[in-house]
Amino acid sequence: MVAELPDDLALSSTYIPSANKVYSVIYGCNKEQLEEIWDRVDEASAADRIDHPLIALGIFLELDRIRLIKLADKLADEFTLGQDILGKRAWDPNNPKMQQYLEICLQSRTLVDYIRAVKRQLVKVMAEIDDLEKLWTRMKMDTSNDANEIKNENLNLGEKQERMIDTGSQMKQRIRDMMDEYDDKIDECKKMAQNLSLAMQTVGQQ
C-alpha cells in the first residue's frame, strides 16, 4: 500500500499448487485491520473460496479500499464544514482558516494521485486473474478422464478448476465495483479543487 498514507500495510503471499495452500503474511496490522482480515478469511472459507491463489491479495485490496475511502470521506466532510468561509469572506491567503481550507484541497489532489495509482494496480490484478482463468480452462479441457478421477480435498480436478474460475470471476466483478467507487471519490476530490479555484478567481476579479 501507499506508505505516505496512514494505516499502510504490506503483503507477502505464496501459493503452493501441490498442497493447494496459500501462505500469506500481512505486515503492519492494527487491531481493527486484524479483525477485518479474520472476518474476510471466515467469509471466504464459508463460501469455499479460501484456496484461490489470489484470495489473500483480494483481502488486501479490500483493506486498502477501506482506508482510501475513509480518507476521501474525511476530506469531503472537512471541506463541506468549512465551505461557508468562501461565501462569507474574501479570499485571504493569510487567514489561518483559509490556509487550512487550501490544505484540504491540496490533500484531496494528492489522494487522487494515490487512488489512480491503486487503480492501475487493480488493472494488473484483473490481468493476473484472467491468466489464471485461461490456465485452468486449458487444464480442464486437456484433462483426461483418468486424471479427472484424481481427488483433491474430496473434489475431482475438473470441479476444482471450475470453482477457481468462478471465484476469479467474482473477484473481477468486485474489483470493477471498487474501481467505480474510486472514480466517484476522484470526482468528489476534483470538485473540491474546482470550487476552491473558482472562489480564488472570483476574488481576483473583484
C-alpha atoms as a PDB file:
ATOM      1  CA  MET A   1       0.000   0.000   0.000  1.00  0.00           C
ATOM      2  CA  VAL A   2       0.979   3.666  -0.342  1.00  0.00           C
ATOM      3  CA  ALA A   3       3.260   4.260   2.635  1.00  0.00           C
ATOM      4  CA  GLU A   4       2.642   8.016   2.704  1.00  0.00           C
ATOM      5  CA  LEU A   5      -0.925   7.480   3.932  1.00  0.00           C
ATOM      6  CA  PRO A   6      -1.829   6.242   7.430  1.00  0.00           C
ATOM      7  CA  ASP A   7      -2.532   2.573   8.238  1.00  0.00           C
ATOM      8  CA  ASP A   8      -0.466   1.246   5.324  1.00  0.00           C
ATOM      9  CA  LEU A   9       0.173  -2.496   5.115  1.00  0.00           C
ATOM     10  CA  ALA A  10       2.436  -4.843   3.168  1.00  0.00           C
ATOM     11  CA  LEU A  11       1.603  -8.319   1.857  1.00  0.00           C
ATOM     12  CA  SER A  12       3.733 -11.372   1.152  1.00  0.00           C
ATOM     13  CA  SER A  13       1.867 -14.341  -0.314  1.00  0.00           C
ATOM     14  CA  THR A  14       2.891 -17.717  -1.747  1.00  0.00           C
ATOM     15  CA  TYR A  15       0.703 -20.332  -3.399  1.00  0.00           C
ATOM     16  CA  ILE A  16       1.809 -23.988  -3.278  1.00  0.00           C
ATOM     17  CA  PRO A  17      -0.069 -25.836  -6.082  1.00  0.00           C
ATOM     18  CA  SER A  18       0.893 -29.328  -4.914  1.00  0.00           C
ATOM     19  CA  ALA A  19      -0.539 -28.662  -1.463  1.00  0.00           C
ATOM     20  CA  ASN A  20      -3.331 -26.398  -2.744  1.00  0.00           C
ATOM     21  CA  LYS A  21      -2.467 -23.931   0.008  1.00  0.00           C
ATOM     22  CA  VAL A  22      -1.952 -20.170   0.195  1.00  0.00           C
ATOM     23  CA  TYR A  23       0.563 -18.910   2.760  1.00  0.00           C
ATOM     24  CA  SER A  24       0.316 -15.186   3.410  1.00  0.00           C
ATOM     25  CA  VAL A  25       1.703 -12.614   5.799  1.00  0.00           C
ATOM     26  CA  ILE A  26       0.243  -9.121   6.126  1.00  0.00           C
ATOM     27  CA  TYR A  27       2.609  -6.711   7.858  1.00  0.00           C
ATOM     28  CA  GLY A  28       1.667  -3.687   9.970  1.00  0.00           C
ATOM     29  CA  CYS A  29      -1.890  -4.580  11.006  1.00  0.00           C
ATOM     30  CA  ASN A  30      -3.587  -2.675  13.754  1.00  0.00           C
ATOM     31  CA  LYS A  31      -6.323  -4.319  15.837  1.00  0.00           C
ATOM     32  CA  GLU A  32      -9.146  -3.077  13.628  1.00  0.00           C
ATOM     33  CA  GLN A  33      -7.454  -4.303  10.451  1.00  0.00           C
ATOM     34  CA  LEU A  34      -6.671  -7.664  12.029  1.00  0.00           C
ATOM     35  CA  GLU A  35     -10.323  -8.181  12.915  1.00  0.00           C
ATOM     36  CA  GLU A  36     -11.321  -7.208   9.389  1.00  0.00           C
ATOM     37  CA  ILE A  37      -8.878  -9.735   7.939  1.00  0.00           C
ATOM     38  CA  TRP A  38     -10.221 -12.599  10.047  1.00  0.00           C
ATOM     39  CA  ASP A  39     -13.804 -11.701   9.174  1.00  0.00           C
ATOM     40  CA  ARG A  40     -12.966 -11.838   5.479  1.00  0.00           C
ATOM     41  CA  VAL A  41     -10.997 -15.080   5.866  1.00  0.00           C
ATOM     42  CA  ASP A  42     -14.018 -16.638   7.562  1.00  0.00           C
ATOM     43  CA  GLU A  43     -16.268 -15.304   4.806  1.00  0.00           C
ATOM     44  CA  ALA A  44     -14.001 -16.727   2.090  1.00  0.00           C
ATOM     45  CA  SER A  45     -13.836 -20.068   3.899  1.00  0.00           C
ATOM     46  CA  ALA A  46     -17.601 -20.270   4.238  1.00  0.00           C
ATOM     47  CA  ALA A  47     -18.000 -19.531   0.523  1.00  0.00           C
ATOM     48  CA  ASP A  48     -15.349 -22.147  -0.389  1.00  0.00           C
ATOM     49  CA  ARG A  49     -13.057 -19.518  -1.949  1.00  0.00           C
ATOM     50  CA  ILE A  50     -10.204 -19.632   0.547  1.00  0.00           C
ATOM     51  CA  ASP A  51      -7.875 -21.736  -1.626  1.00  0.00           C
ATOM     52  CA  HIS A  52      -7.799 -19.357  -4.600  1.00  0.00           C
ATOM     53  CA  PRO A  53      -4.139 -18.298  -5.170  1.00  0.00           C
ATOM     54  CA  LEU A  54      -5.051 -14.583  -5.084  1.00  0.00           C
ATOM     55  CA  ILE A  55      -7.543 -14.640  -2.219  1.00  0.00           C
ATOM     56  CA  ALA A  56      -5.082 -13.002   0.191  1.00  0.00           C
ATOM     57  CA  LEU A  57      -4.451 -10.254  -2.346  1.00  0.00           C
ATOM     58  CA  GLY A  58      -8.213  -9.766  -2.659  1.00  0.00           C
ATOM     59  CA  ILE A  59      -8.491  -9.244   1.109  1.00  0.00           C
ATOM     60  CA  PHE A  60      -5.511  -6.887   0.970  1.00  0.00           C
ATOM     61  CA  LEU A  61      -7.227  -4.794  -1.724  1.00  0.00           C
ATOM     62  CA  GLU A  62     -10.356  -4.578   0.407  1.00  0.00           C
ATOM     63  CA  LEU A  63      -8.311  -3.253   3.332  1.00  0.00           C
ATOM     64  CA  ASP A  64      -6.721  -0.656   1.071  1.00  0.00           C
ATOM     65  CA  ARG A  65     -10.155   0.346  -0.203  1.00  0.00           C
ATOM     66  CA  ILE A  66     -11.414   0.873   3.352  1.00  0.00           C
ATOM     67  CA  ARG A  67      -8.620   3.290   4.243  1.00  0.00           C
ATOM     68  CA  LEU A  68      -8.720   5.216   0.938  1.00  0.00           C
ATOM     69  CA  ILE A  69     -12.487   5.687   1.012  1.00  0.00           C
ATOM     70  CA  LYS A  70     -12.305   6.687   4.668  1.00  0.00           C
ATOM     71  CA  LEU A  71      -9.689   9.333   3.871  1.00  0.00           C
ATOM     72  CA  ALA A  72     -11.692  10.651   0.912  1.00  0.00           C
ATOM     73  CA  ASP A  73     -14.864  10.896   3.004  1.00  0.00           C
ATOM     74  CA  LYS A  74     -12.968  12.638   5.816  1.00  0.00           C
ATOM     75  CA  LEU A  75     -11.631  15.284   3.431  1.00  0.00           C
ATOM     76  CA  ALA A  76     -15.073  15.761   1.893  1.00  0.00           C
ATOM     77  CA  ASP A  77     -16.621  16.286   5.343  1.00  0.00           C
ATOM     78  CA  GLU A  78     -13.944  18.805   6.340  1.00  0.00           C
ATOM     79  CA  PHE A  79     -14.375  20.614   3.031  1.00  0.00           C
ATOM     80  CA  THR A  80     -18.143  20.835   3.465  1.00  0.00           C
ATOM     81  CA  LEU A  81     -17.863  22.107   7.046  1.00  0.00           C
ATOM     82  CA  GLY A  82     -15.511  24.900   6.015  1.00  0.00           C
ATOM     83  CA  GLN A  83     -17.089  25.801   2.702  1.00  0.00           C
ATOM     84  CA  ASP A  84     -19.081  28.698   4.127  1.00  0.00           C
ATOM     85  CA  ILE A  85     -15.794  30.598   4.636  1.00  0.00           C
ATOM     86  CA  LEU A  86     -15.541  31.304   0.928  1.00  0.00           C
ATOM     87  CA  GLY A  87     -19.101  32.505   0.699  1.00  0.00           C
ATOM     88  CA  LYS A  88     -18.831  34.967   3.592  1.00  0.00           C
ATOM     89  CA  ARG A  89     -15.309  36.350   3.249  1.00  0.00           C
ATOM     90  CA  ALA A  90     -12.960  37.470   0.508  1.00  0.00           C
ATOM     91  CA  TRP A  91     -10.104  35.096  -0.145  1.00  0.00           C
ATOM     92  CA  ASP A  92      -7.210  35.940   2.124  1.00  0.00           C
ATOM     93  CA  PRO A  93      -4.140  33.662   1.873  1.00  0.00           C
ATOM     94  CA  ASN A  94      -3.009  34.890   5.300  1.00  0.00           C
ATOM     95  CA  ASN A  95      -6.194  33.789   7.024  1.00  0.00           C
ATOM     96  CA  PRO A  96      -5.421  30.590   9.032  1.00  0.00           C
ATOM     97  CA  LYS A  97      -8.842  29.078   8.328  1.00  0.00           C
ATOM     98  CA  MET A  98      -8.466  29.676   4.612  1.00  0.00           C
ATOM     99  CA  GLN A  99      -4.993  28.209   4.721  1.00  0.00           C
ATOM    100  CA  GLN A 100      -6.498  25.136   6.341  1.00  0.00           C
ATOM    101  CA  TYR A 101      -9.150  25.068   3.638  1.00  0.00           C
ATOM    102  CA  LEU A 102      -6.453  25.226   0.970  1.00  0.00           C
ATOM    103  CA  GLU A 103      -4.582  22.388   2.675  1.00  0.00           C
ATOM    104  CA  ILE A 104      -7.681  20.196   2.473  1.00  0.00           C
ATOM    105  CA  CYS A 105      -7.880  20.781  -1.267  1.00  0.00           C
ATOM    106  CA  LEU A 106      -4.174  20.033  -1.706  1.00  0.00           C
ATOM    107  CA  GLN A 107      -4.582  16.804   0.264  1.00  0.00           C
ATOM    108  CA  SER A 108      -7.522  15.832  -1.926  1.00  0.00           C
ATOM    109  CA  ARG A 109      -5.408  16.317  -5.067  1.00  0.00           C
ATOM    110  CA  THR A 110      -2.668  14.144  -3.584  1.00  0.00           C
ATOM    111  CA  LEU A 111      -5.222  11.499  -2.663  1.00  0.00           C
ATOM    112  CA  VAL A 112      -6.462  11.472  -6.250  1.00  0.00           C
ATOM    113  CA  ASP A 113      -2.939  10.621  -7.402  1.00  0.00           C
ATOM    114  CA  TYR A 114      -2.766   7.758  -4.909  1.00  0.00           C
ATOM    115  CA  ILE A 115      -6.171   6.399  -5.922  1.00  0.00           C
ATOM    116  CA  ARG A 116      -5.201   6.499  -9.578  1.00  0.00           C
ATOM    117  CA  ALA A 117      -2.046   4.545  -8.738  1.00  0.00           C
ATOM    118  CA  VAL A 118      -4.159   1.943  -6.930  1.00  0.00           C
ATOM    119  CA  LYS A 119      -6.494   1.699  -9.918  1.00  0.00           C
ATOM    120  CA  ARG A 120      -3.534   0.937 -12.167  1.00  0.00           C
ATOM    121  CA  GLN A 121      -2.581  -1.901  -9.840  1.00  0.00           C
ATOM    122  CA  LEU A 122      -6.154  -3.213  -9.887  1.00  0.00           C
ATOM    123  CA  VAL A 123      -5.981  -3.471 -13.666  1.00  0.00           C
ATOM    124  CA  LYS A 124      -2.855  -5.624 -13.286  1.00  0.00           C
ATOM    125  CA  VAL A 125      -4.598  -7.842 -10.717  1.00  0.00           C
ATOM    126  CA  MET A 126      -7.500  -8.400 -13.110  1.00  0.00           C
ATOM    127  CA  ALA A 127      -5.000  -9.387 -15.811  1.00  0.00           C
ATOM    128  CA  GLU A 128      -3.459 -11.931 -13.417  1.00  0.00           C
ATOM    129  CA  ILE A 129      -6.892 -13.373 -12.670  1.00  0.00           C
ATOM    130  CA  ASP A 130      -7.554 -13.625 -16.402  1.00  0.00           C
ATOM    131  CA  ASP A 131      -4.269 -15.506 -16.899  1.00  0.00           C
ATOM    132  CA  LEU A 132      -5.172 -17.965 -14.139  1.00  0.00           C
ATOM    133  CA  GLU A 133      -8.623 -18.424 -15.638  1.00  0.00           C
ATOM    134  CA  LYS A 134      -7.113 -19.221 -19.053  1.00  0.00           C
ATOM    135  CA  LEU A 135      -4.722 -21.701 -17.436  1.00  0.00           C
ATOM    136  CA  TRP A 136      -7.457 -23.523 -15.540  1.00  0.00           C
ATOM    137  CA  THR A 137      -9.741 -23.532 -18.564  1.00  0.00           C
ATOM    138  CA  ARG A 138      -6.985 -25.048 -20.697  1.00  0.00           C
ATOM    139  CA  MET A 139      -6.169 -27.609 -17.997  1.00  0.00           C
ATOM    140  CA  LYS A 140      -9.825 -28.538 -17.722  1.00  0.00           C
ATOM    141  CA  MET A 141     -10.075 -29.086 -21.460  1.00  0.00           C
ATOM    142  CA  ASP A 142      -6.822 -31.109 -21.565  1.00  0.00           C
ATOM    143  CA  THR A 143      -7.567 -33.236 -18.527  1.00  0.00           C
ATOM    144  CA  SER A 144      -8.186 -36.863 -19.419  1.00  0.00           C
ATOM    145  CA  ASN A 145     -10.974 -38.955 -17.930  1.00  0.00           C
ATOM    146  CA  ASP A 146      -8.433 -40.826 -15.836  1.00  0.00           C
ATOM    147  CA  ALA A 147      -6.964 -37.603 -14.463  1.00  0.00           C
ATOM    148  CA  ASN A 148     -10.430 -36.395 -13.570  1.00  0.00           C
ATOM    149  CA  GLU A 149     -10.614 -39.214 -11.059  1.00  0.00           C
ATOM    150  CA  ILE A 150      -7.717 -37.752  -9.056  1.00  0.00           C
ATOM    151  CA  LYS A 151      -9.139 -36.499  -5.789  1.00  0.00           C
ATOM    152  CA  ASN A 152      -8.149 -33.184  -4.234  1.00  0.00           C
ATOM    153  CA  GLU A 153      -9.876 -32.337  -0.969  1.00  0.00           C
ATOM    154  CA  ASN A 154     -12.743 -34.656  -1.963  1.00  0.00           C
ATOM    155  CA  LEU A 155     -13.270 -32.768  -5.228  1.00  0.00           C
ATOM    156  CA  ASN A 156     -12.140 -34.016  -8.626  1.00  0.00           C
ATOM    157  CA  LEU A 157      -9.722 -31.887 -10.583  1.00  0.00           C
ATOM    158  CA  GLY A 158     -12.334 -30.603 -13.003  1.00  0.00           C
ATOM    159  CA  GLU A 159     -14.582 -29.413 -10.174  1.00  0.00           C
ATOM    160  CA  LYS A 160     -11.674 -27.616  -8.523  1.00  0.00           C
ATOM    161  CA  GLN A 161     -10.807 -25.789 -11.728  1.00  0.00           C
ATOM    162  CA  GLU A 162     -14.424 -24.765 -12.207  1.00  0.00           C
ATOM    163  CA  ARG A 163     -14.564 -23.452  -8.652  1.00  0.00           C
ATOM    164  CA  MET A 164     -11.341 -21.494  -9.141  1.00  0.00           C
ATOM    165  CA  ILE A 165     -12.679 -19.936 -12.354  1.00  0.00           C
ATOM    166  CA  ASP A 166     -15.921 -18.958 -10.614  1.00  0.00           C
ATOM    167  CA  THR A 167     -14.021 -17.417  -7.688  1.00  0.00           C
ATOM    168  CA  GLY A 168     -11.855 -15.457 -10.111  1.00  0.00           C
ATOM    169  CA  SER A 169     -14.950 -14.129 -11.877  1.00  0.00           C
ATOM    170  CA  GLN A 170     -16.387 -12.950  -8.561  1.00  0.00           C
ATOM    171  CA  MET A 171     -13.093 -11.254  -7.683  1.00  0.00           C
ATOM    172  CA  LYS A 172     -13.007  -9.435 -11.030  1.00  0.00           C
ATOM    173  CA  GLN A 173     -16.557  -8.183 -10.542  1.00  0.00           C
ATOM    174  CA  ARG A 174     -15.664  -6.939  -7.071  1.00  0.00           C
ATOM    175  CA  ILE A 175     -12.603  -5.143  -8.465  1.00  0.00           C
ATOM    176  CA  ARG A 176     -14.762  -3.465 -11.114  1.00  0.00           C
ATOM    177  CA  ASP A 177     -17.108  -2.272  -8.357  1.00  0.00           C
ATOM    178  CA  MET A 178     -14.132  -0.923  -6.400  1.00  0.00           C
ATOM    179  CA  MET A 179     -12.840   0.942  -9.440  1.00  0.00           C
ATOM    180  CA  ASP A 180     -16.266   2.546  -9.947  1.00  0.00           C
ATOM    181  CA  GLU A 181     -16.256   3.632  -6.314  1.00  0.00           C
ATOM    182  CA  TYR A 182     -12.758   5.046  -6.688  1.00  0.00           C
ATOM    183  CA  ASP A 183     -13.912   7.021  -9.735  1.00  0.00           C
ATOM    184  CA  ASP A 184     -16.694   8.551  -7.644  1.00  0.00           C
ATOM    185  CA  LYS A 185     -14.193   9.631  -4.982  1.00  0.00           C
ATOM    186  CA  ILE A 186     -11.869  11.067  -7.620  1.00  0.00           C
ATOM    187  CA  ASP A 187     -14.761  13.153  -8.940  1.00  0.00           C
ATOM    188  CA  GLU A 188     -15.553  14.391  -5.415  1.00  0.00           C
ATOM    189  CA  CYS A 189     -11.933  15.401  -4.836  1.00  0.00           C
ATOM    190  CA  LYS A 190     -11.807  17.193  -8.184  1.00  0.00           C
ATOM    191  CA  LYS A 191     -14.892  19.189  -7.259  1.00  0.00           C
ATOM    192  CA  MET A 192     -13.172  20.427  -4.111  1.00  0.00           C
ATOM    193  CA  ALA A 193     -10.257  21.793  -6.118  1.00  0.00           C
ATOM    194  CA  GLN A 194     -12.592  23.269  -8.737  1.00  0.00           C
ATOM    195  CA  ASN A 195     -14.682  25.059  -6.115  1.00  0.00           C
ATOM    196  CA  LEU A 196     -11.585  26.491  -4.469  1.00  0.00           C
ATOM    197  CA  SER A 197     -10.149  27.590  -7.811  1.00  0.00           C
ATOM    198  CA  LEU A 198     -13.428  29.278  -8.726  1.00  0.00           C
ATOM    199  CA  ALA A 199     -13.539  31.131  -5.415  1.00  0.00           C
ATOM    200  CA  MET A 200      -9.967  32.380  -5.803  1.00  0.00           C
ATOM    201  CA  GLN A 201     -10.606  33.515  -9.377  1.00  0.00           C
ATOM    202  CA  THR A 202     -13.784  35.311  -8.328  1.00  0.00           C
ATOM    203  CA  VAL A 203     -11.928  37.218  -5.614  1.00  0.00           C
ATOM    204  CA  GLY A 204      -9.161  38.100  -8.042  1.00  0.00           C
ATOM    205  CA  GLN A 205     -11.672  39.670 -10.415  1.00  0.00           C
ATOM    206  CA  GLN A 206     -13.288  41.800  -7.717  1.00  0.00           C
END
